[in-house]
Amino acid sequence: MFGWCVLLVATALAGAPLDDSARAMAGLPVADGSPLAPVTSRPRWAEERATVDKVWNDYVADDLDPIRAWATNQTATLPGRTVFYPFSGPDVLNAVAFYPQANEYLMLGLERIGKLPDYGPGEEARLVKDMQLTRKAMRVVLQVGYFITMNMSAEVGTSDATGVAGMLSWFLVRTDHELRSARHVTFDAKGRLIEADAQKGIVPTGVEIVFRKRGETQDRVVRYFRGDIQDSHFTTYRKALWDYVVSKGEVLTYLKAASYLMFTRSFDDIRALILARSTAIVSDDSGMPWHFVSRGGWETRLYGQYHKPIADFAGRCQPELQTALASGSRGTLPFDYGYTWYTPHMVVSVRAPGNPIGTPVFDRSSTTGLGVSCYGGRTVVR
């Protein structure tokens, strides 16, 4: 599928190959003969590895294994090979768990990109420190299943290791993937995706990692792009990124803990894109408003039970969704999910046969368009 992958130039590493560097940072054994093999046999690294293993193994047992089992019959069979995950931060972990069938994962967020893992045999102290920093940055997502925005601004990207590039690498190797190649990327003046090199004055706006499941032969790719995607920025200052997303055509959209941004007029263009181009949309109540998928054109499947929004988003209640879940839920979710992870729910919307993929219409304005709010216990769209 990705024959062009052989043309990618892997990030130049001072010591170990990319995959070994990522594995060492994630507390995993490296290849025999790796420059990092002596480092990973020392007590400091082994001690930190034991701590990471405990946190990770608890998460796998409580959430990741249940997600994989549930997804086998629910989301892994949805149509689409390109997963579109706006408002994602570095959360490739859930994207791959829910959609193991995808070939490409396209992620958007505001979090700093950072550097790819790169360790030499004499850098034990830096490696162990980075292991500790990444564990700290990931502790919340491994506890409740999503990144908290305030925590991300304080922890994601505050070091080389905890940028999105490092965290994507950590999640991928921890879920038994091999990193094949990686590069920082940006768009040139003609909107083409090119390799970036800050030392040459080409500042990266994204990172691209080619990976595959260990023991398999099919390469897959994740691309994360940093940038503001509200209407006044996405189609103007970030137009190359917008055009790139549009060029992907049909996508399978995934939304989780999305801060209810697409309830506002400021983000109705990205909402329009998702509604026009998605073969399916998987969301909690904070992503795609129920109003837009419940009035025809979509076949909806509901899981779990509704819980009012957390205090930070008190004005985003959806009484219609609450009623729909109360009468039409297909059962509880066996894992934590979204802001109300203790009472999770999920809406799976599959495009109906009479609702063809279309061309999105953008207003390119943060002050016009439709917004969704909750007043007096009822949904108001205006």
Protein backbone atom coordinates (compact mmCIF):
# COMPACT_ATOMS: atom_id res chain seq x y z
CA MET A 1 0.00 0.00 0.00
CA PHE A 2 2.80 2.37 0.89
CA GLY A 3 5.43 1.52 -1.68
CA TRP A 4 6.66 5.09 -1.51
CA CYS A 5 7.69 4.50 2.11
CA VAL A 6 11.05 3.24 0.95
CA LEU A 7 11.79 6.77 -0.22
CA LEU A 8 11.41 8.25 3.23
CA VAL A 9 14.59 9.38 4.87
CA ALA A 10 14.67 8.15 8.47
CA THR A 11 15.69 10.68 11.03
CA ALA A 12 19.45 10.68 11.43
CA LEU A 13 20.29 9.08 14.73
CA ALA A 14 23.51 9.47 16.64
CA GLY A 15 23.40 6.02 18.14
CA ALA A 16 20.65 3.43 18.02
CA PRO A 17 18.12 3.07 15.21
CA LEU A 18 14.80 4.85 15.64
CA ASP A 19 12.92 1.73 16.71
CA ASP A 20 15.50 0.81 19.36
CA SER A 21 15.60 4.37 20.70
CA ALA A 22 11.80 4.41 21.01
CA ARG A 23 11.74 1.00 22.68
CA ALA A 24 14.41 1.98 25.18
CA MET A 25 12.51 5.16 26.08
CA ALA A 26 9.30 3.13 26.50
CA GLY A 27 10.99 0.62 28.81
CA LEU A 28 11.15 -2.24 26.31
CA PRO A 29 14.07 -4.52 25.39
CA VAL A 30 16.08 -3.57 22.31
CA ALA A 31 17.51 -5.68 19.52
CA ASP A 32 20.52 -7.88 20.17
CA GLY A 33 23.63 -5.95 19.24
CA SER A 34 21.92 -2.57 19.56
CA PRO A 35 24.14 0.27 20.82
CA LEU A 36 21.58 0.63 23.63
CA ALA A 37 21.71 -3.00 24.77
CA PRO A 38 24.31 -2.27 27.50
CA VAL A 39 22.28 0.71 28.74
CA THR A 40 19.08 -1.32 29.07
CA SER A 41 20.86 -3.88 31.23
CA ARG A 42 21.79 -1.37 33.93
CA PRO A 43 19.94 -0.94 37.25
CA ARG A 44 18.67 2.64 36.71
CA TRP A 45 16.99 1.77 33.44
CA ALA A 46 15.65 -1.53 34.81
CA GLU A 47 14.17 0.22 37.84
CA GLU A 48 12.33 2.76 35.70
CA ARG A 49 11.22 0.01 33.34
CA ALA A 50 9.57 -1.83 36.23
CA THR A 51 7.64 1.30 37.18
CA VAL A 52 6.51 1.88 33.59
CA ASP A 53 5.51 -1.77 33.20
CA LYS A 54 3.27 -1.59 36.25
CA VAL A 55 1.42 1.50 34.98
CA TRP A 56 1.15 0.11 31.47
CA ASN A 57 0.04 -3.39 32.45
CA ASP A 58 -2.73 -1.97 34.62
CA TYR A 59 -3.94 0.14 31.71
CA VAL A 60 -3.85 -2.81 29.30
CA ALA A 61 -5.87 -5.02 31.62
CA ASP A 62 -8.42 -2.35 32.57
CA ASP A 63 -8.90 -0.59 29.22
CA LEU A 64 -6.79 -1.54 26.22
CA ASP A 65 -7.68 -5.23 26.11
CA PRO A 66 -11.42 -4.48 26.59
CA ILE A 67 -11.24 -1.83 23.86
CA ARG A 68 -9.60 -4.23 21.41
CA ALA A 69 -12.14 -6.96 22.14
CA TRP A 70 -15.08 -4.56 21.80
CA ALA A 71 -13.70 -2.89 18.66
CA THR A 72 -13.39 -6.22 16.84
CA ASN A 73 -17.15 -6.31 16.26
CA GLN A 74 -17.97 -2.61 16.46
CA THR A 75 -15.49 -0.05 15.10
CA ALA A 76 -12.96 -2.32 13.35
CA THR A 77 -15.64 -3.22 10.79
CA LEU A 78 -16.55 0.37 9.89
CA PRO A 79 -15.90 1.52 6.32
CA GLY A 80 -12.76 3.54 5.70
CA ARG A 81 -8.99 3.13 5.70
CA THR A 82 -8.03 6.70 6.64
CA VAL A 83 -8.81 7.64 10.22
CA PHE A 84 -9.25 11.38 10.77
CA TYR A 85 -8.73 12.41 14.39
CA PRO A 86 -8.94 16.18 14.99
CA PHE A 87 -8.38 17.53 18.51
CA SER A 88 -6.29 14.41 19.09
CA GLY A 89 -3.15 15.58 20.81
CA PRO A 90 -0.69 12.64 20.70
CA ASP A 91 -3.41 10.00 21.22
CA VAL A 92 -2.50 7.48 18.52
CA LEU A 93 -3.01 4.85 21.24
CA ASN A 94 -6.81 4.93 21.04
CA ALA A 95 -6.88 5.56 17.30
CA VAL A 96 -5.02 2.31 16.58
CA ALA A 97 -6.90 0.36 19.25
CA PHE A 98 -10.33 1.27 17.88
CA TYR A 99 -9.30 1.14 14.20
CA PRO A 100 -6.65 -1.57 13.69
CA GLN A 101 -7.86 -1.95 10.09
CA ALA A 102 -6.72 1.53 8.99
CA ASN A 103 -3.77 2.23 6.72
CA GLU A 104 -3.41 5.90 7.64
CA TYR A 105 -4.05 8.00 10.74
CA LEU A 106 -4.36 11.76 10.27
CA MET A 107 -4.23 13.67 13.56
CA LEU A 108 -4.53 17.37 14.37
CA GLY A 109 -3.80 19.28 17.58
CA LEU A 110 -2.13 22.24 19.23
CA GLU A 111 0.54 20.31 21.10
CA ARG A 112 4.23 20.86 20.37
CA ILE A 113 5.83 18.39 17.98
CA GLY A 114 9.19 17.88 19.66
CA LYS A 115 11.93 15.48 18.57
CA LEU A 116 11.94 11.83 17.67
CA PRO A 117 13.70 9.40 20.05
CA ASP A 118 17.45 9.49 19.52
CA TYR A 119 19.82 7.95 22.09
CA GLY A 120 23.42 6.89 22.04
CA PRO A 121 25.19 4.33 24.24
CA GLY A 122 26.61 7.01 26.54
CA GLU A 123 23.30 8.72 27.29
CA GLU A 124 21.89 6.61 30.09
CA ALA A 125 21.08 9.61 32.28
CA ARG A 126 19.13 11.41 29.52
CA LEU A 127 17.32 8.22 28.56
CA VAL A 128 16.19 7.47 32.13
CA LYS A 129 15.14 11.08 32.65
CA ASP A 130 13.07 10.97 29.45
CA MET A 131 11.46 7.72 30.59
CA GLN A 132 10.36 9.48 33.77
CA LEU A 133 9.09 12.54 31.92
CA THR A 134 7.04 10.55 29.43
CA ARG A 135 5.54 8.44 32.21
CA LYS A 136 4.48 11.61 34.01
CA ALA A 137 3.02 13.16 30.85
CA MET A 138 1.01 10.00 30.09
CA ARG A 139 -0.25 9.18 33.55
CA VAL A 140 -3.70 10.77 33.05
CA VAL A 141 -4.42 9.23 29.64
CA LEU A 142 -3.50 5.82 31.02
CA GLN A 143 -5.84 6.38 33.95
CA VAL A 144 -8.94 7.88 32.31
CA GLY A 145 -8.35 7.37 28.57
CA TYR A 146 -7.84 10.95 27.37
CA PHE A 147 -5.40 13.84 27.67
CA ILE A 148 -6.50 16.82 29.76
CA THR A 149 -5.86 20.03 27.83
CA MET A 150 -4.46 21.95 30.80
CA ASN A 151 -2.10 19.09 31.63
CA MET A 152 -0.94 18.87 28.01
CA SER A 153 0.05 22.53 27.92
CA ALA A 154 2.13 22.00 31.05
CA GLU A 155 3.63 18.60 30.21
CA VAL A 156 3.43 17.76 26.49
CA GLY A 157 6.36 19.28 24.66
CA THR A 158 8.15 20.64 27.73
CA SER A 159 11.06 18.35 26.86
CA ASP A 160 12.27 16.72 23.66
CA ALA A 161 10.88 13.38 24.75
CA THR A 162 7.40 14.59 25.68
CA GLY A 163 6.62 16.29 22.39
CA VAL A 164 4.05 14.61 20.18
CA ALA A 165 6.74 12.86 18.10
CA GLY A 166 8.16 11.15 21.17
CA MET A 167 4.78 10.22 22.58
CA LEU A 168 3.53 8.81 19.28
CA SER A 169 6.66 6.67 19.18
CA TRP A 170 6.14 5.54 22.80
CA PHE A 171 2.53 4.48 22.20
CA LEU A 172 3.34 2.65 18.97
CA VAL A 173 6.17 0.53 20.32
CA ARG A 174 4.25 -0.19 23.52
CA THR A 175 1.41 -1.61 21.40
CA ASP A 176 3.81 -3.99 19.64
CA HIS A 177 4.56 -1.93 16.53
CA GLU A 178 7.88 -1.52 14.78
CA LEU A 179 8.90 1.99 13.74
CA ARG A 180 10.09 1.78 10.15
CA SER A 181 10.99 5.40 9.44
CA ALA A 182 10.07 8.91 10.51
CA ARG A 183 10.55 12.51 9.54
CA HIS A 184 9.41 16.00 10.45
CA VAL A 185 7.26 17.52 7.72
CA THR A 186 5.70 20.77 6.56
CA PHE A 187 4.07 22.21 3.45
CA ASP A 188 5.91 24.14 0.75
CA ALA A 189 4.62 27.23 -1.04
CA LYS A 190 2.62 25.03 -3.42
CA GLY A 191 0.98 23.11 -0.59
CA ARG A 192 3.03 19.95 -1.10
CA LEU A 193 4.05 17.86 1.89
CA ILE A 194 7.84 17.98 2.23
CA GLU A 195 10.48 16.99 4.74
CA ALA A 196 11.33 19.73 7.25
CA ASP A 197 14.68 20.57 8.77
CA ALA A 198 14.81 23.43 11.26
CA GLN A 199 18.59 23.63 10.89
CA LYS A 200 18.04 24.52 7.22
CA GLY A 201 15.33 27.02 8.05
CA ILE A 202 12.47 24.66 7.14
CA VAL A 203 10.39 24.68 10.33
CA PRO A 204 8.28 21.56 10.85
CA THR A 205 4.53 21.79 11.29
CA GLY A 206 4.04 18.04 11.59
CA VAL A 207 5.61 14.64 12.08
CA GLU A 208 5.18 11.47 10.04
CA ILE A 209 5.92 7.95 11.30
CA VAL A 210 5.74 4.81 9.19
CA PHE A 211 5.14 1.70 11.28
CA ARG A 212 3.91 -1.86 11.11
CA LYS A 213 2.71 -4.51 13.51
CA ARG A 214 5.64 -6.65 14.57
CA GLY A 215 5.71 -9.82 12.53
CA GLU A 216 3.56 -8.33 9.75
CA THR A 217 4.57 -6.86 6.39
CA GLN A 218 2.04 -4.07 5.80
CA ASP A 219 3.32 -0.57 6.49
CA ARG A 220 0.99 2.03 7.93
CA VAL A 221 1.49 5.72 8.61
CA VAL A 222 0.48 8.28 11.20
CA ARG A 223 0.77 11.99 10.50
CA TYR A 224 0.25 14.60 13.17
CA PHE A 225 -0.03 18.30 12.27
CA ARG A 226 0.09 21.17 14.71
CA GLY A 227 -2.16 24.15 14.13
CA ASP A 228 -5.26 26.10 15.10
CA ILE A 229 -8.26 24.69 13.22
CA GLN A 230 -10.94 27.19 14.13
CA ASP A 231 -12.61 28.76 11.09
CA SER A 232 -10.65 32.01 11.05
CA HIS A 233 -7.32 30.14 10.96
CA PHE A 234 -7.82 26.77 9.29
CA THR A 235 -8.93 27.99 5.87
CA THR A 236 -6.60 31.01 5.79
CA TYR A 237 -3.34 30.85 7.78
CA ARG A 238 -3.44 27.04 7.75
CA LYS A 239 -4.84 26.69 4.24
CA ALA A 240 -2.21 24.16 3.12
CA LEU A 241 -3.18 21.91 6.00
CA TRP A 242 -6.87 22.40 5.26
CA ASP A 243 -6.34 21.54 1.58
CA TYR A 244 -4.35 18.46 2.59
CA VAL A 245 -7.14 17.20 4.83
CA VAL A 246 -9.74 17.85 2.12
CA SER A 247 -7.59 15.99 -0.43
CA LYS A 248 -7.94 12.79 1.62
CA GLY A 249 -11.50 12.41 0.38
CA GLU A 250 -13.45 9.86 2.39
CA VAL A 251 -12.37 9.47 6.00
CA LEU A 252 -13.44 7.62 9.11
CA THR A 253 -13.67 10.28 11.82
CA TYR A 254 -12.86 9.67 15.47
CA LEU A 255 -13.67 12.21 18.19
CA LYS A 256 -13.10 11.99 21.92
CA ALA A 257 -12.79 14.55 24.73
CA ALA A 258 -13.01 17.29 22.07
CA SER A 259 -13.96 20.14 24.45
CA TYR A 260 -17.35 20.62 22.71
CA LEU A 261 -15.56 22.90 20.23
CA MET A 262 -17.73 21.86 17.28
CA PHE A 263 -20.78 23.11 19.17
CA THR A 264 -19.57 26.64 18.42
CA ARG A 265 -19.65 28.81 15.32
CA SER A 266 -15.87 29.11 15.53
CA PHE A 267 -15.46 25.45 14.60
CA ASP A 268 -18.38 24.87 12.25
CA ASP A 269 -16.10 24.55 9.20
CA ILE A 270 -14.28 21.51 10.59
CA ARG A 271 -17.72 20.20 11.59
CA ALA A 272 -18.92 20.71 8.00
CA LEU A 273 -15.88 18.87 6.65
CA ILE A 274 -16.50 15.89 8.92
CA LEU A 275 -20.20 15.70 8.05
CA ALA A 276 -19.50 15.97 4.31
CA ARG A 277 -16.58 13.52 4.01
CA SER A 278 -16.96 10.89 6.72
CA THR A 279 -18.07 7.35 6.00
CA ALA A 280 -18.62 7.03 9.73
CA ILE A 281 -18.21 9.21 12.83
CA VAL A 282 -17.41 7.78 16.23
CA SER A 283 -17.83 10.29 19.03
CA ASP A 284 -18.73 10.94 22.62
CA ASP A 285 -21.07 13.83 23.43
CA SER A 286 -18.19 16.35 23.34
CA GLY A 287 -17.35 15.81 19.66
CA MET A 288 -20.07 15.82 17.02
CA PRO A 289 -23.33 17.33 18.37
CA TRP A 290 -26.17 14.81 18.35
CA HIS A 291 -28.32 17.36 16.51
CA PHE A 292 -26.36 16.91 13.26
CA VAL A 293 -26.45 13.11 13.04
CA SER A 294 -29.93 12.43 14.43
CA ARG A 295 -32.05 14.11 11.76
CA GLY A 296 -31.56 11.82 8.81
CA GLY A 297 -28.65 10.76 6.61
CA TRP A 298 -26.96 8.71 9.34
CA GLU A 299 -27.58 5.33 10.89
CA THR A 300 -26.73 5.74 14.57
CA ARG A 301 -25.68 3.13 17.09
CA LEU A 302 -25.67 4.11 20.75
CA TYR A 303 -23.67 2.57 23.58
CA GLY A 304 -23.49 3.21 27.31
CA GLN A 305 -25.54 5.74 29.20
CA TYR A 306 -25.70 9.52 29.17
CA HIS A 307 -24.15 11.60 31.92
CA LYS A 308 -24.42 15.37 32.06
CA PRO A 309 -21.23 17.21 31.01
CA ILE A 310 -18.55 17.84 33.60
CA ALA A 311 -18.59 21.25 35.31
CA ASP A 312 -16.17 22.83 32.80
CA PHE A 313 -18.78 22.33 30.06
CA ALA A 314 -22.03 22.73 31.99
CA GLY A 315 -23.74 24.58 29.13
CA ARG A 316 -23.36 21.67 26.69
CA CYS A 317 -26.06 19.27 27.88
CA GLN A 318 -27.91 17.35 25.14
CA PRO A 319 -31.33 16.23 26.40
CA GLU A 320 -32.19 14.64 23.05
CA LEU A 321 -29.10 12.45 23.24
CA GLN A 322 -29.94 11.58 26.82
CA THR A 323 -33.40 10.40 25.73
CA ALA A 324 -31.98 8.45 22.79
CA LEU A 325 -29.43 6.66 24.96
CA ALA A 326 -32.02 5.86 27.60
CA SER A 327 -34.22 4.09 25.04
CA GLY A 328 -31.76 2.85 22.43
CA SER A 329 -28.44 1.94 24.06
CA ARG A 330 -26.96 -1.35 22.87
CA GLY A 331 -25.31 -1.94 26.22
CA THR A 332 -22.59 -0.64 28.49
CA LEU A 333 -19.04 0.08 27.38
CA PRO A 334 -16.48 -2.21 29.06
CA PHE A 335 -13.81 0.52 29.24
CA ASP A 336 -13.36 4.16 30.30
CA TYR A 337 -14.19 6.71 27.63
CA GLY A 338 -14.40 10.50 27.41
CA TYR A 339 -14.82 13.14 30.10
CA THR A 340 -17.43 11.12 31.97
CA TRP A 341 -15.21 8.05 31.84
CA TYR A 342 -16.88 6.64 34.96
CA THR A 343 -20.25 6.55 33.08
CA PRO A 344 -19.10 6.28 29.45
CA HIS A 345 -21.13 6.44 26.29
CA MET A 346 -20.44 6.43 22.55
CA VAL A 347 -22.30 7.42 19.40
CA VAL A 348 -21.40 5.58 16.18
CA SER A 349 -22.88 7.27 13.12
CA VAL A 350 -22.60 5.45 9.78
CA ARG A 351 -23.43 7.31 6.58
CA ALA A 352 -26.76 6.11 5.20
CA PRO A 353 -27.01 4.91 1.56
CA GLY A 354 -29.06 7.96 0.55
CA ASN A 355 -26.53 10.40 1.99
CA PRO A 356 -23.58 10.49 -0.45
CA ILE A 357 -20.16 11.93 0.30
CA GLY A 358 -20.32 15.61 -0.59
CA THR A 359 -18.36 18.84 -0.86
CA PRO A 360 -18.23 20.78 2.40
CA VAL A 361 -19.33 24.41 2.43
CA PHE A 362 -17.20 26.69 4.61
CA ASP A 363 -18.11 30.12 5.97
CA ARG A 364 -14.48 30.83 6.93
CA SER A 365 -15.69 32.92 9.85
CA SER A 366 -15.61 32.38 13.60
CA THR A 367 -18.72 34.51 14.13
CA THR A 368 -21.21 33.18 11.56
CA GLY A 369 -22.89 29.81 11.14
CA LEU A 370 -24.72 27.52 13.54
CA GLY A 371 -23.90 26.88 17.18
CA VAL A 372 -25.43 24.41 19.61
CA SER A 373 -26.14 25.24 23.25
CA CYS A 374 -28.27 24.05 26.15
CA TYR A 375 -30.71 26.44 27.78
CA GLY A 376 -33.33 25.54 30.34
CA GLY A 377 -32.76 21.86 29.81
CA ARG A 378 -33.30 21.94 26.05
CA THR A 379 -31.05 22.08 22.99
CA VAL A 380 -30.93 25.38 21.13
CA VAL A 381 -29.43 25.58 17.62
CA ARG A 382 -28.89 29.07 16.22
